[in-house]
Amino acid sequence: LLSVVKFDAFEWALEKATELGVARIVPVAAARCEKGLLAAAAKRA
């Protein structure tokens, strides 16, 4: 369950999580996530 952060860091985390064998990733809209990032997340899917 990965909170959405700045996209360069988020995408780096996706890459490394894949290499470390995760089976499933859920992006999370936590309260302290930047609202602009959450709004743009769908376009990055």
ModelCIF file with pLDDT and N, C-alpha, C, O atoms, coordinates in Angstrom:
data_MODEL
#
_entry.id   MODEL 
#
_entity.id                         1 
_entity.type                       polymer 
_entity.pdbx_number_of_molecules   1 
#
_entity_poly.entity_id                      1 
_entity_poly.type                           'polypeptide(L)' 
_entity_poly.nstd_linkage                   no 
_entity_poly.nstd_monomer                   no 
_entity_poly.pdbx_seq_one_letter_code       LLSVVKFDAFEWALEKATELGVARIVPVAAARCEKGLLAAAAKRA 
_entity_poly.pdbx_seq_one_letter_code_can   LLSVVKFDAFEWALEKATELGVARIVPVAAARCEKGLLAAAAKRA 
_entity_poly.pdbx_strand_id                 A 
#
loop_
_entity_poly_seq.entity_id 
_entity_poly_seq.num 
_entity_poly_seq.mon_id 
_entity_poly_seq.hetero 
1 1  LEU n 
1 2  LEU n 
1 3  SER n 
1 4  VAL n 
1 5  VAL n 
1 6  LYS n 
1 7  PHE n 
1 8  ASP n 
1 9  ALA n 
1 10 PHE n 
1 11 GLU n 
1 12 TRP n 
1 13 ALA n 
1 14 LEU n 
1 15 GLU n 
1 16 LYS n 
1 17 ALA n 
1 18 THR n 
1 19 GLU n 
1 20 LEU n 
1 21 GLY n 
1 22 VAL n 
1 23 ALA n 
1 24 ARG n 
1 25 ILE n 
1 26 VAL n 
1 27 PRO n 
1 28 VAL n 
1 29 ALA n 
1 30 ALA n 
1 31 ALA n 
1 32 ARG n 
1 33 CYS n 
1 34 GLU n 
1 35 LYS n 
1 36 GLY n 
1 37 LEU n 
1 38 LEU n 
1 39 ALA n 
1 40 ALA n 
1 41 ALA n 
1 42 ALA n 
1 43 LYS n 
1 44 ARG n 
1 45 ALA n 
#
_struct_asym.id          A 
_struct_asym.entity_id   1 
#
loop_
_ma_qa_metric.id 
_ma_qa_metric.mode 
_ma_qa_metric.name 
_ma_qa_metric.software_group_id 
_ma_qa_metric.type 
1 global pLDDT . pLDDT 
2 local  pLDDT . pLDDT 
#
_ma_qa_metric_global.metric_id      1 
_ma_qa_metric_global.metric_value   96.44 
_ma_qa_metric_global.model_id       1 
_ma_qa_metric_global.ordinal_id     1 
#
loop_
_ma_qa_metric_local.label_asym_id 
_ma_qa_metric_local.label_comp_id 
_ma_qa_metric_local.label_seq_id 
_ma_qa_metric_local.metric_id 
_ma_qa_metric_local.metric_value 
_ma_qa_metric_local.model_id 
_ma_qa_metric_local.ordinal_id 
A LEU 1  2 98.00 1 1  
A LEU 2  2 98.00 1 2  
A SER 3  2 98.00 1 3  
A VAL 4  2 98.00 1 4  
A VAL 5  2 97.00 1 5  
A LYS 6  2 97.00 1 6  
A PHE 7  2 97.00 1 7  
A ASP 8  2 97.00 1 8  
A ALA 9  2 97.00 1 9  
A PHE 10 2 98.00 1 10 
A GLU 11 2 98.00 1 11 
A TRP 12 2 97.00 1 12 
A ALA 13 2 98.00 1 13 
A LEU 14 2 98.00 1 14 
A GLU 15 2 97.00 1 15 
A LYS 16 2 97.00 1 16 
A ALA 17 2 98.00 1 17 
A THR 18 2 96.00 1 18 
A GLU 19 2 94.00 1 19 
A LEU 20 2 95.00 1 20 
A GLY 21 2 93.00 1 21 
A VAL 22 2 96.00 1 22 
A ALA 23 2 94.00 1 23 
A ARG 24 2 96.00 1 24 
A ILE 25 2 98.00 1 25 
A VAL 26 2 97.00 1 26 
A PRO 27 2 98.00 1 27 
A VAL 28 2 98.00 1 28 
A ALA 29 2 98.00 1 29 
A ALA 30 2 98.00 1 30 
A ALA 31 2 97.00 1 31 
A ARG 32 2 97.00 1 32 
A CYS 33 2 97.00 1 33 
A GLU 34 2 96.00 1 34 
A LYS 35 2 96.00 1 35 
A GLY 36 2 96.00 1 36 
A LEU 37 2 97.00 1 37 
A LEU 38 2 96.00 1 38 
A ALA 39 2 96.00 1 39 
A ALA 40 2 96.00 1 40 
A ALA 41 2 95.00 1 41 
A ALA 42 2 90.00 1 42 
A LYS 43 2 94.00 1 43 
A ARG 44 2 95.00 1 44 
A ALA 45 2 93.00 1 45 
#
loop_
_atom_site.group_PDB 
_atom_site.id 
_atom_site.type_symbol 
_atom_site.label_atom_id 
_atom_site.label_alt_id 
_atom_site.label_comp_id 
_atom_site.label_asym_id 
_atom_site.label_entity_id 
_atom_site.label_seq_id 
_atom_site.pdbx_PDB_ins_code 
_atom_site.Cartn_x 
_atom_site.Cartn_y 
_atom_site.Cartn_z 
_atom_site.occupancy 
_atom_site.B_iso_or_equiv 
_atom_site.pdbx_formal_charge 
_atom_site.auth_seq_id 
_atom_site.auth_comp_id 
_atom_site.auth_asym_id 
_atom_site.auth_atom_id 
_atom_site.pdbx_PDB_model_num 
ATOM 1   N N  . LEU A 1 1  ? 0.882  -1.170  0.000   1.00 98.00 ? 1  LEU A N  1 
ATOM 2   C CA . LEU A 1 1  ? 0.000  0.000   0.000   1.00 98.00 ? 1  LEU A CA 1 
ATOM 3   C C  . LEU A 1 1  ? 0.920  1.221   0.000   1.00 98.00 ? 1  LEU A C  1 
ATOM 4   O O  . LEU A 1 1  ? 1.515  1.563   1.022   1.00 98.00 ? 1  LEU A O  1 
ATOM 5   N N  . LEU A 1 2  ? 1.027  1.862   -1.144  1.00 98.00 ? 2  LEU A N  1 
ATOM 6   C CA . LEU A 1 2  ? 2.033  2.906   -1.349  1.00 98.00 ? 2  LEU A CA 1 
ATOM 7   C C  . LEU A 1 2  ? 1.389  4.274   -1.496  1.00 98.00 ? 2  LEU A C  1 
ATOM 8   O O  . LEU A 1 2  ? 0.680  4.528   -2.470  1.00 98.00 ? 2  LEU A O  1 
ATOM 9   N N  . SER A 1 3  ? 1.632  5.149   -0.541  1.00 98.00 ? 3  SER A N  1 
ATOM 10  C CA . SER A 1 3  ? 1.095  6.504   -0.609  1.00 98.00 ? 3  SER A CA 1 
ATOM 11  C C  . SER A 1 3  ? 1.686  7.248   -1.801  1.00 98.00 ? 3  SER A C  1 
ATOM 12  O O  . SER A 1 3  ? 2.863  7.091   -2.128  1.00 98.00 ? 3  SER A O  1 
ATOM 13  N N  . VAL A 1 4  ? 0.864  8.049   -2.433  1.00 98.00 ? 4  VAL A N  1 
ATOM 14  C CA . VAL A 1 4  ? 1.303  8.795   -3.612  1.00 98.00 ? 4  VAL A CA 1 
ATOM 15  C C  . VAL A 1 4  ? 2.204  9.951   -3.182  1.00 98.00 ? 4  VAL A C  1 
ATOM 16  O O  . VAL A 1 4  ? 1.816  10.799  -2.379  1.00 98.00 ? 4  VAL A O  1 
ATOM 17  N N  . VAL A 1 5  ? 3.411  9.961   -3.736  1.00 97.00 ? 5  VAL A N  1 
ATOM 18  C CA . VAL A 1 5  ? 4.367  11.042  -3.484  1.00 97.00 ? 5  VAL A CA 1 
ATOM 19  C C  . VAL A 1 5  ? 4.771  11.617  -4.835  1.00 97.00 ? 5  VAL A C  1 
ATOM 20  O O  . VAL A 1 5  ? 4.209  11.237  -5.862  1.00 97.00 ? 5  VAL A O  1 
ATOM 21  N N  . LYS A 1 6  ? 5.733  12.523  -4.845  1.00 97.00 ? 6  LYS A N  1 
ATOM 22  C CA . LYS A 1 6  ? 6.184  13.104  -6.104  1.00 97.00 ? 6  LYS A CA 1 
ATOM 23  C C  . LYS A 1 6  ? 6.491  11.991  -7.094  1.00 97.00 ? 6  LYS A C  1 
ATOM 24  O O  . LYS A 1 6  ? 7.097  10.980  -6.740  1.00 97.00 ? 6  LYS A O  1 
ATOM 25  N N  . PHE A 1 7  ? 6.068  12.185  -8.330  1.00 97.00 ? 7  PHE A N  1 
ATOM 26  C CA . PHE A 1 7  ? 6.018  11.087  -9.270  1.00 97.00 ? 7  PHE A CA 1 
ATOM 27  C C  . PHE A 1 7  ? 7.374  10.456  -9.571  1.00 97.00 ? 7  PHE A C  1 
ATOM 28  O O  . PHE A 1 7  ? 7.439  9.251   -9.814  1.00 97.00 ? 7  PHE A O  1 
ATOM 29  N N  . ASP A 1 8  ? 8.462  11.232  -9.563  1.00 97.00 ? 8  ASP A N  1 
ATOM 30  C CA . ASP A 1 8  ? 9.755  10.601  -9.818  1.00 97.00 ? 8  ASP A CA 1 
ATOM 31  C C  . ASP A 1 8  ? 10.099 9.612   -8.713  1.00 97.00 ? 8  ASP A C  1 
ATOM 32  O O  . ASP A 1 8  ? 10.617 8.529   -8.985  1.00 97.00 ? 8  ASP A O  1 
ATOM 33  N N  . ALA A 1 9  ? 9.811  9.982   -7.463  1.00 97.00 ? 9  ALA A N  1 
ATOM 34  C CA . ALA A 1 9  ? 10.062 9.089   -6.333  1.00 97.00 ? 9  ALA A CA 1 
ATOM 35  C C  . ALA A 1 9  ? 9.081  7.924   -6.340  1.00 97.00 ? 9  ALA A C  1 
ATOM 36  O O  . ALA A 1 9  ? 9.466  6.791   -6.051  1.00 97.00 ? 9  ALA A O  1 
ATOM 37  N N  . PHE A 1 10 ? 7.827  8.186   -6.663  1.00 98.00 ? 10 PHE A N  1 
ATOM 38  C CA . PHE A 1 10 ? 6.804  7.130   -6.704  1.00 98.00 ? 10 PHE A CA 1 
ATOM 39  C C  . PHE A 1 10 ? 7.160  6.081   -7.753  1.00 98.00 ? 10 PHE A C  1 
ATOM 40  O O  . PHE A 1 10 ? 7.050  4.880   -7.506  1.00 98.00 ? 10 PHE A O  1 
ATOM 41  N N  . GLU A 1 11 ? 7.582  6.542   -8.912  1.00 98.00 ? 11 GLU A N  1 
ATOM 42  C CA . GLU A 1 11 ? 7.909  5.618   -9.988  1.00 98.00 ? 11 GLU A CA 1 
ATOM 43  C C  . GLU A 1 11 ? 9.179  4.829   -9.676  1.00 98.00 ? 11 GLU A C  1 
ATOM 44  O O  . GLU A 1 11 ? 9.293  3.663   -10.054 1.00 98.00 ? 11 GLU A O  1 
ATOM 45  N N  . TRP A 1 12 ? 10.122 5.451   -8.996  1.00 97.00 ? 12 TRP A N  1 
ATOM 46  C CA . TRP A 1 12 ? 11.323 4.739   -8.567  1.00 97.00 ? 12 TRP A CA 1 
ATOM 47  C C  . TRP A 1 12 ? 10.946 3.646   -7.582  1.00 97.00 ? 12 TRP A C  1 
ATOM 48  O O  . TRP A 1 12 ? 11.492 2.544   -7.626  1.00 97.00 ? 12 TRP A O  1 
ATOM 49  N N  . ALA A 1 13 ? 10.009 3.955   -6.692  1.00 98.00 ? 13 ALA A N  1 
ATOM 50  C CA . ALA A 1 13 ? 9.534  2.965   -5.721  1.00 98.00 ? 13 ALA A CA 1 
ATOM 51  C C  . ALA A 1 13 ? 8.815  1.813   -6.423  1.00 98.00 ? 13 ALA A C  1 
ATOM 52  O O  . ALA A 1 13 ? 8.976  0.658   -6.027  1.00 98.00 ? 13 ALA A O  1 
ATOM 53  N N  . LEU A 1 14 ? 8.034  2.105   -7.448  1.00 98.00 ? 14 LEU A N  1 
ATOM 54  C CA . LEU A 1 14 ? 7.365  1.045   -8.210  1.00 98.00 ? 14 LEU A CA 1 
ATOM 55  C C  . LEU A 1 14 ? 8.379  0.088   -8.827  1.00 98.00 ? 14 LEU A C  1 
ATOM 56  O O  . LEU A 1 14 ? 8.218  -1.132  -8.777  1.00 98.00 ? 14 LEU A O  1 
ATOM 57  N N  . GLU A 1 15 ? 9.419  0.663   -9.404  1.00 97.00 ? 15 GLU A N  1 
ATOM 58  C CA . GLU A 1 15 ? 10.453 -0.148  -10.049 1.00 97.00 ? 15 GLU A CA 1 
ATOM 59  C C  . GLU A 1 15 ? 11.136 -1.076  -9.042  1.00 97.00 ? 15 GLU A C  1 
ATOM 60  O O  . GLU A 1 15 ? 11.287 -2.272  -9.288  1.00 97.00 ? 15 GLU A O  1 
ATOM 61  N N  . LYS A 1 16 ? 11.543 -0.509  -7.909  1.00 97.00 ? 16 LYS A N  1 
ATOM 62  C CA . LYS A 1 16 ? 12.270 -1.308  -6.922  1.00 97.00 ? 16 LYS A CA 1 
ATOM 63  C C  . LYS A 1 16 ? 11.360 -2.311  -6.223  1.00 97.00 ? 16 LYS A C  1 
ATOM 64  O O  . LYS A 1 16 ? 11.798 -3.411  -5.885  1.00 97.00 ? 16 LYS A O  1 
ATOM 65  N N  . ALA A 1 17 ? 10.109 -1.946  -6.004  1.00 98.00 ? 17 ALA A N  1 
ATOM 66  C CA . ALA A 1 17 ? 9.164  -2.888  -5.397  1.00 98.00 ? 17 ALA A CA 1 
ATOM 67  C C  . ALA A 1 17 ? 8.951  -4.089  -6.307  1.00 98.00 ? 17 ALA A C  1 
ATOM 68  O O  . ALA A 1 17 ? 8.819  -5.218  -5.834  1.00 98.00 ? 17 ALA A O  1 
ATOM 69  N N  . THR A 1 18 ? 8.918  -3.844  -7.603  1.00 96.00 ? 18 THR A N  1 
ATOM 70  C CA . THR A 1 18 ? 8.786  -4.940  -8.560  1.00 96.00 ? 18 THR A CA 1 
ATOM 71  C C  . THR A 1 18 ? 9.988  -5.870  -8.474  1.00 96.00 ? 18 THR A C  1 
ATOM 72  O O  . THR A 1 18 ? 9.833  -7.091  -8.460  1.00 96.00 ? 18 THR A O  1 
ATOM 73  N N  . GLU A 1 19 ? 11.179 -5.296  -8.418  1.00 94.00 ? 19 GLU A N  1 
ATOM 74  C CA . GLU A 1 19 ? 12.392 -6.098  -8.324  1.00 94.00 ? 19 GLU A CA 1 
ATOM 75  C C  . GLU A 1 19 ? 12.440 -6.894  -7.023  1.00 94.00 ? 19 GLU A C  1 
ATOM 76  O O  . GLU A 1 19 ? 13.048 -7.963  -6.967  1.00 94.00 ? 19 GLU A O  1 
ATOM 77  N N  . LEU A 1 20 ? 11.801 -6.376  -5.982  1.00 95.00 ? 20 LEU A N  1 
ATOM 78  C CA . LEU A 1 20 ? 11.790 -7.059  -4.691  1.00 95.00 ? 20 LEU A CA 1 
ATOM 79  C C  . LEU A 1 20 ? 10.618 -8.028  -4.547  1.00 95.00 ? 20 LEU A C  1 
ATOM 80  O O  . LEU A 1 20 ? 10.405 -8.594  -3.475  1.00 95.00 ? 20 LEU A O  1 
ATOM 81  N N  . GLY A 1 21 ? 9.866  -8.216  -5.617  1.00 93.00 ? 21 GLY A N  1 
ATOM 82  C CA . GLY A 1 21 ? 8.921  -9.317  -5.668  1.00 93.00 ? 21 GLY A CA 1 
ATOM 83  C C  . GLY A 1 21 ? 7.496  -9.058  -5.231  1.00 93.00 ? 21 GLY A C  1 
ATOM 84  O O  . GLY A 1 21 ? 6.751  -10.017 -5.034  1.00 93.00 ? 21 GLY A O  1 
ATOM 85  N N  . VAL A 1 22 ? 7.071  -7.802  -5.066  1.00 96.00 ? 22 VAL A N  1 
ATOM 86  C CA . VAL A 1 22 ? 5.693  -7.573  -4.617  1.00 96.00 ? 22 VAL A CA 1 
ATOM 87  C C  . VAL A 1 22 ? 4.701  -8.145  -5.618  1.00 96.00 ? 22 VAL A C  1 
ATOM 88  O O  . VAL A 1 22 ? 4.938  -8.126  -6.826  1.00 96.00 ? 22 VAL A O  1 
ATOM 89  N N  . ALA A 1 23 ? 3.596  -8.651  -5.106  1.00 94.00 ? 23 ALA A N  1 
ATOM 90  C CA . ALA A 1 23 ? 2.571  -9.250  -5.958  1.00 94.00 ? 23 ALA A CA 1 
ATOM 91  C C  . ALA A 1 23 ? 1.500  -8.245  -6.361  1.00 94.00 ? 23 ALA A C  1 
ATOM 92  O O  . ALA A 1 23 ? 0.877  -8.382  -7.413  1.00 94.00 ? 23 ALA A O  1 
ATOM 93  N N  . ARG A 1 24 ? 1.289  -7.240  -5.522  1.00 96.00 ? 24 ARG A N  1 
ATOM 94  C CA . ARG A 1 24 ? 0.168  -6.323  -5.734  1.00 96.00 ? 24 ARG A CA 1 
ATOM 95  C C  . ARG A 1 24 ? 0.531  -4.964  -5.169  1.00 96.00 ? 24 ARG A C  1 
ATOM 96  O O  . ARG A 1 24 ? 1.117  -4.879  -4.089  1.00 96.00 ? 24 ARG A O  1 
ATOM 97  N N  . ILE A 1 25 ? 0.188  -3.891  -5.890  1.00 98.00 ? 25 ILE A N  1 
ATOM 98  C CA . ILE A 1 25 ? 0.474  -2.528  -5.441  1.00 98.00 ? 25 ILE A CA 1 
ATOM 99  C C  . ILE A 1 25 ? -0.814 -1.719  -5.475  1.00 98.00 ? 25 ILE A C  1 
ATOM 100 O O  . ILE A 1 25 ? -1.515 -1.683  -6.486  1.00 98.00 ? 25 ILE A O  1 
ATOM 101 N N  . VAL A 1 26 ? -1.117 -1.068  -4.351  1.00 97.00 ? 26 VAL A N  1 
ATOM 102 C CA . VAL A 1 26 ? -2.293 -0.209  -4.253  1.00 97.00 ? 26 VAL A CA 1 
ATOM 103 C C  . VAL A 1 26 ? -1.827 1.213   -3.954  1.00 97.00 ? 26 VAL A C  1 
ATOM 104 O O  . VAL A 1 26 ? -1.305 1.458   -2.866  1.00 97.00 ? 26 VAL A O  1 
ATOM 105 N N  . PRO A 1 27 ? -1.997 2.161   -4.882  1.00 98.00 ? 27 PRO A N  1 
ATOM 106 C CA . PRO A 1 27 ? -1.661 3.551   -4.574  1.00 98.00 ? 27 PRO A CA 1 
ATOM 107 C C  . PRO A 1 27 ? -2.680 4.113   -3.582  1.00 98.00 ? 27 PRO A C  1 
ATOM 108 O O  . PRO A 1 27 ? -3.885 3.905   -3.730  1.00 98.00 ? 27 PRO A O  1 
ATOM 109 N N  . VAL A 1 28 ? -2.184 4.823   -2.573  1.00 98.00 ? 28 VAL A N  1 
ATOM 110 C CA . VAL A 1 28 ? -3.049 5.277   -1.482  1.00 98.00 ? 28 VAL A CA 1 
ATOM 111 C C  . VAL A 1 28 ? -3.106 6.799   -1.435  1.00 98.00 ? 28 VAL A C  1 
ATOM 112 O O  . VAL A 1 28 ? -2.081 7.478   -1.499  1.00 98.00 ? 28 VAL A O  1 
ATOM 113 N N  . ALA A 1 29 ? -4.315 7.316   -1.322  1.00 98.00 ? 29 ALA A N  1 
ATOM 114 C CA . ALA A 1 29 ? -4.530 8.765   -1.202  1.00 98.00 ? 29 ALA A CA 1 
ATOM 115 C C  . ALA A 1 29 ? -4.553 9.131   0.277   1.00 98.00 ? 29 ALA A C  1 
ATOM 116 O O  . ALA A 1 29 ? -5.617 9.371   0.848   1.00 98.00 ? 29 ALA A O  1 
ATOM 117 N N  . ALA A 1 30 ? -3.372 9.174   0.896   1.00 98.00 ? 30 ALA A N  1 
ATOM 118 C CA . ALA A 1 30 ? -3.276 9.505   2.315   1.00 98.00 ? 30 ALA A CA 1 
ATOM 119 C C  . ALA A 1 30 ? -3.571 10.985  2.540   1.00 98.00 ? 30 ALA A C  1 
ATOM 120 O O  . ALA A 1 30 ? -3.504 11.792  1.613   1.00 98.00 ? 30 ALA A O  1 
ATOM 121 N N  . ALA A 1 31 ? -3.894 11.322  3.766   1.00 97.00 ? 31 ALA A N  1 
ATOM 122 C CA . ALA A 1 31 ? -4.298 12.690  4.086   1.00 97.00 ? 31 ALA A CA 1 
ATOM 123 C C  . ALA A 1 31 ? -3.203 13.707  3.775   1.00 97.00 ? 31 ALA A C  1 
ATOM 124 O O  . ALA A 1 31 ? -3.497 14.836  3.382   1.00 97.00 ? 31 ALA A O  1 
ATOM 125 N N  . ARG A 1 32 ? -1.941 13.312  3.950   1.00 97.00 ? 32 ARG A N  1 
ATOM 126 C CA . ARG A 1 32 ? -0.836 14.238  3.739   1.00 97.00 ? 32 ARG A CA 1 
ATOM 127 C C  . ARG A 1 32 ? -0.229 14.154  2.345   1.00 97.00 ? 32 ARG A C  1 
ATOM 128 O O  . ARG A 1 32 ? 0.831  14.729  2.095   1.00 97.00 ? 32 ARG A O  1 
ATOM 129 N N  . CYS A 1 33 ? -0.885 13.450  1.445   1.00 97.00 ? 33 CYS A N  1 
ATOM 130 C CA . CYS A 1 33 ? -0.449 13.453  0.047   1.00 97.00 ? 33 CYS A CA 1 
ATOM 131 C C  . CYS A 1 33 ? -0.792 14.805  -0.584  1.00 97.00 ? 33 CYS A C  1 
ATOM 132 O O  . CYS A 1 33 ? -1.795 15.421  -0.223  1.00 97.00 ? 33 CYS A O  1 
ATOM 133 N N  . GLU A 1 34 ? 0.024  15.259  -1.509  1.00 96.00 ? 34 GLU A N  1 
ATOM 134 C CA . GLU A 1 34 ? -0.272 16.511  -2.197  1.00 96.00 ? 34 GLU A CA 1 
ATOM 135 C C  . GLU A 1 34 ? -1.508 16.323  -3.081  1.00 96.00 ? 34 GLU A C  1 
ATOM 136 O O  . GLU A 1 34 ? -1.596 15.365  -3.849  1.00 96.00 ? 34 GLU A O  1 
ATOM 137 N N  . LYS A 1 35 ? -2.446 17.238  -2.963  1.00 96.00 ? 35 LYS A N  1 
ATOM 138 C CA . LYS A 1 35 ? -3.711 17.107  -3.689  1.00 96.00 ? 35 LYS A CA 1 
ATOM 139 C C  . LYS A 1 35 ? -3.509 17.140  -5.201  1.00 96.00 ? 35 LYS A C  1 
ATOM 140 O O  . LYS A 1 35 ? -4.211 16.452  -5.943  1.00 96.00 ? 35 LYS A O  1 
ATOM 141 N N  . GLY A 1 36 ? -2.544 17.945  -5.653  1.00 96.00 ? 36 GLY A N  1 
ATOM 142 C CA . GLY A 1 36 ? -2.281 18.011  -7.084  1.00 96.00 ? 36 GLY A CA 1 
ATOM 143 C C  . GLY A 1 36 ? -1.790 16.682  -7.641  1.00 96.00 ? 36 GLY A C  1 
ATOM 144 O O  . GLY A 1 36 ? -2.129 16.308  -8.763  1.00 96.00 ? 36 GLY A O  1 
ATOM 145 N N  . LEU A 1 37 ? -0.990 15.968  -6.849  1.00 97.00 ? 37 LEU A N  1 
ATOM 146 C CA . LEU A 1 37 ? -0.504 14.663  -7.278  1.00 97.00 ? 37 LEU A CA 1 
ATOM 147 C C  . LEU A 1 37 ? -1.647 13.654  -7.365  1.00 97.00 ? 37 LEU A C  1 
ATOM 148 O O  . LEU A 1 37 ? -1.718 12.854  -8.298  1.00 97.00 ? 37 LEU A O  1 
ATOM 149 N N  . LEU A 1 38 ? -2.529 13.705  -6.387  1.00 96.00 ? 38 LEU A N  1 
ATOM 150 C CA . LEU A 1 38 ? -3.672 12.787  -6.399  1.00 96.00 ? 38 LEU A CA 1 
ATOM 151 C C  . LEU A 1 38 ? -4.572 13.048  -7.608  1.00 96.00 ? 38 LEU A C  1 
ATOM 152 O O  . LEU A 1 38 ? -5.083 12.113  -8.224  1.00 96.00 ? 38 LEU A O  1 
ATOM 153 N N  . ALA A 1 39 ? -4.758 14.318  -7.937  1.00 96.00 ? 39 ALA A N  1 
ATOM 154 C CA . ALA A 1 39 ? -5.610 14.664  -9.070  1.00 96.00 ? 39 ALA A CA 1 
ATOM 155 C C  . ALA A 1 39 ? -5.013 14.186  -10.390 1.00 96.00 ? 39 ALA A C  1 
ATOM 156 O O  . ALA A 1 39 ? -5.743 13.846  -11.320 1.00 96.00 ? 39 ALA A O  1 
ATOM 157 N N  . ALA A 1 40 ? -3.691 14.162  -10.467 1.00 96.00 ? 40 ALA A N  1 
ATOM 158 C CA . ALA A 1 40 ? -3.018 13.774  -11.712 1.00 96.00 ? 40 ALA A CA 1 
ATOM 159 C C  . ALA A 1 40 ? -2.708 12.286  -11.782 1.00 96.00 ? 40 ALA A C  1 
ATOM 160 O O  . ALA A 1 40 ? -2.258 11.799  -12.819 1.00 96.00 ? 40 ALA A O  1 
ATOM 161 N N  . ALA A 1 41 ? -2.941 11.555  -10.696 1.00 95.00 ? 41 ALA A N  1 
ATOM 162 C CA . ALA A 1 41 ? -2.536 10.150  -10.636 1.00 95.00 ? 41 ALA A CA 1 
ATOM 163 C C  . ALA A 1 41 ? -3.205 9.300   -11.708 1.00 95.00 ? 41 ALA A C  1 
ATOM 164 O O  . ALA A 1 41 ? -2.557 8.438   -12.302 1.00 95.00 ? 41 ALA A O  1 
ATOM 165 N N  . ALA A 1 42 ? -4.477 9.526   -11.960 1.00 90.00 ? 42 ALA A N  1 
ATOM 166 C CA . ALA A 1 42 ? -5.201 8.700   -12.933 1.00 90.00 ? 42 ALA A CA 1 
ATOM 167 C C  . ALA A 1 42 ? -4.580 8.787   -14.322 1.00 90.00 ? 42 ALA A C  1 
ATOM 168 O O  . ALA A 1 42 ? -4.581 7.808   -15.067 1.00 90.00 ? 42 ALA A O  1 
ATOM 169 N N  . LYS A 1 43 ? -4.050 9.955   -14.670 1.00 94.00 ? 43 LYS A N  1 
ATOM 170 C CA . LYS A 1 43 ? -3.439 10.135  -15.988 1.00 94.00 ? 43 LYS A CA 1 
ATOM 171 C C  . LYS A 1 43 ? -2.110 9.400   -16.109 1.00 94.00 ? 43 LYS A C  1 
ATOM 172 O O  . LYS A 1 43 ? -1.598 9.222   -17.215 1.00 94.00 ? 43 LYS A O  1 
ATOM 173 N N  . ARG A 1 44 ? -1.552 8.975   -14.988 1.00 95.00 ? 44 ARG A N  1 
ATOM 174 C CA . ARG A 1 44 ? -0.262 8.292   -14.991 1.00 95.00 ? 44 ARG A CA 1 
ATOM 175 C C  . ARG A 1 44 ? -0.396 6.769   -14.982 1.00 95.00 ? 44 ARG A C  1 
ATOM 176 O O  . ARG A 1 44 ? 0.606  6.057   -15.052 1.00 95.00 ? 44 ARG A O  1 
ATOM 177 N N  . ALA A 1 45 ? -1.609 6.278   -14.897 1.00 93.00 ? 45 ALA A N  1 
ATOM 178 C CA . ALA A 1 45 ? -1.820 4.845   -14.728 1.00 93.00 ? 45 ALA A CA 1 
ATOM 179 C C  . ALA A 1 45 ? -1.157 4.024   -15.833 1.00 93.00 ? 45 ALA A C  1 
ATOM 180 O O  . ALA A 1 45 ? -1.247 2.796   -15.828 1.00 93.00 ? 45 ALA A O  1 
#
